[in-house]
Amino acid sequence: MSACGLVIAAGVPAVADDNGLAGSIHDLRREGRKLCQVDHWHYGSGVGSTKKAALADAVGSWQSFTALEYGTDWARFQKANSRNVSCSNTGGGGVSCSIEGRPCR
């Protein structure tokens, strides 16, 4: 997924914030150098003409919703733990990707 690193970073605003909601409604724990939500997952999906495009769309979906809910500090799929990515070809020649992960900051 290193090819997605630029896409991931570009999909989140440069100004970081944490609205405090994550710690007030979810259990948090340190996992290495990150603070992660223990049992809460976020999901994203995307489509595109290539796997790279579909994955970028899915990551954008995951990051947008996570930023809306908790602030941009939590909204980097690259930092999420327990990540899972699944992509498949669609019948029309495109690609569909689904992703999931526990938000971390």
Protein backbone atom coordinates (compact mmCIF):
# COMPACT_ATOMS: atom_id res chain seq x y z
CA MET A 1 0.00 0.00 0.00
CA SER A 2 2.99 2.34 -0.18
CA ALA A 3 1.73 3.63 -3.53
CA CYS A 4 -1.30 4.98 -1.71
CA GLY A 5 0.74 7.03 0.76
CA LEU A 6 0.51 10.18 -1.32
CA VAL A 7 -3.20 9.72 -1.90
CA ILE A 8 -3.81 9.19 1.80
CA ALA A 9 -1.91 12.29 2.85
CA ALA A 10 -3.54 14.41 0.18
CA GLY A 11 -7.07 13.46 1.24
CA VAL A 12 -6.89 15.07 4.69
CA PRO A 13 -6.76 18.80 5.36
CA ALA A 14 -3.40 20.14 6.59
CA VAL A 15 -4.92 21.62 9.76
CA ALA A 16 -5.15 18.91 12.42
CA ASP A 17 -7.78 18.86 15.11
CA ASP A 18 -9.34 16.52 17.65
CA ASN A 19 -12.88 17.31 18.71
CA GLY A 20 -12.67 15.10 21.83
CA LEU A 21 -15.52 12.83 20.81
CA ALA A 22 -13.36 9.74 20.27
CA GLY A 23 -12.20 9.59 23.89
CA SER A 24 -15.62 10.39 25.31
CA ILE A 25 -17.53 7.60 23.54
CA HIS A 26 -14.87 4.94 22.80
CA ASP A 27 -12.24 3.13 24.83
CA LEU A 28 -8.74 4.18 23.76
CA ARG A 29 -5.37 2.48 24.26
CA ARG A 30 -1.76 3.02 23.29
CA GLU A 31 -0.61 0.74 20.50
CA GLY A 32 3.06 1.45 19.92
CA ARG A 33 3.38 5.18 19.37
CA LYS A 34 -0.29 5.61 18.45
CA LEU A 35 -3.45 6.14 20.48
CA CYS A 36 -6.16 3.91 18.97
CA GLN A 37 -9.84 3.23 19.40
CA VAL A 38 -10.09 -0.23 20.92
CA ASP A 39 -13.25 -1.70 19.46
CA HIS A 40 -14.58 0.78 16.94
CA TRP A 41 -14.09 0.35 13.19
CA HIS A 42 -14.67 2.70 10.30
CA TYR A 43 -15.42 1.57 6.77
CA GLY A 44 -14.96 3.09 3.33
CA SER A 45 -15.72 2.01 -0.20
CA GLY A 46 -14.79 3.27 -3.62
CA VAL A 47 -14.88 2.52 -7.31
CA GLY A 48 -12.59 3.43 -10.16
CA SER A 49 -11.30 2.42 -13.55
CA THR A 50 -8.15 1.00 -11.90
CA LYS A 51 -7.36 -0.55 -8.52
CA LYS A 52 -5.30 2.51 -7.61
CA ALA A 53 -8.23 4.84 -8.36
CA ALA A 54 -10.75 2.66 -6.51
CA LEU A 55 -8.48 2.41 -3.48
CA ALA A 56 -7.93 6.17 -3.44
CA ASP A 57 -11.72 6.65 -3.56
CA ALA A 58 -12.22 4.21 -0.66
CA VAL A 59 -9.49 5.85 1.43
CA GLY A 60 -11.04 9.25 0.76
CA SER A 61 -14.40 7.93 1.94
CA TRP A 62 -12.89 6.48 5.14
CA GLN A 63 -10.91 9.62 5.91
CA SER A 64 -13.75 12.05 5.19
CA PHE A 65 -16.18 10.33 7.53
CA THR A 66 -13.57 9.83 10.24
CA ALA A 67 -12.58 13.53 10.07
CA LEU A 68 -16.22 14.56 10.29
CA GLU A 69 -16.83 12.36 13.33
CA TYR A 70 -13.60 12.82 15.35
CA GLY A 71 -11.50 15.51 13.68
CA THR A 72 -8.58 15.25 11.29
CA ASP A 73 -6.15 13.96 13.95
CA TRP A 74 -7.92 10.59 13.64
CA ALA A 75 -8.52 10.70 9.89
CA ARG A 76 -5.46 9.08 8.32
CA PHE A 77 -6.11 5.58 7.06
CA GLN A 78 -2.36 5.04 6.96
CA LYS A 79 -2.31 5.38 10.78
CA ALA A 80 -5.33 3.11 11.38
CA ASN A 81 -4.72 -0.26 13.01
CA SER A 82 -6.34 -3.57 12.07
CA ARG A 83 -6.62 -2.37 8.47
CA ASN A 84 -8.21 -4.56 5.87
CA VAL A 85 -8.43 -3.83 2.14
CA SER A 86 -10.45 -5.84 -0.36
CA CYS A 87 -10.70 -5.01 -4.07
CA SER A 88 -12.46 -6.83 -6.89
CA ASN A 89 -13.21 -6.31 -10.55
CA THR A 90 -16.68 -5.11 -11.41
CA GLY A 91 -18.65 -6.47 -14.32
CA GLY A 92 -18.17 -3.26 -16.31
CA GLY A 93 -14.38 -3.33 -16.38
CA GLY A 94 -13.87 -1.18 -13.28
CA VAL A 95 -12.66 -2.00 -9.80
CA SER A 96 -14.43 -1.77 -6.45
CA CYS A 97 -12.57 -1.54 -3.12
CA SER A 98 -13.76 -1.79 0.47
CA ILE A 99 -11.57 -0.86 3.43
CA GLU A 100 -11.87 -0.94 7.19
CA GLY A 101 -9.72 0.02 10.12
CA ARG A 102 -9.71 1.24 13.71
CA PRO A 103 -8.92 4.97 13.83
CA CYS A 104 -5.65 5.93 15.54
CA ARG A 105 -3.79 9.19 16.05
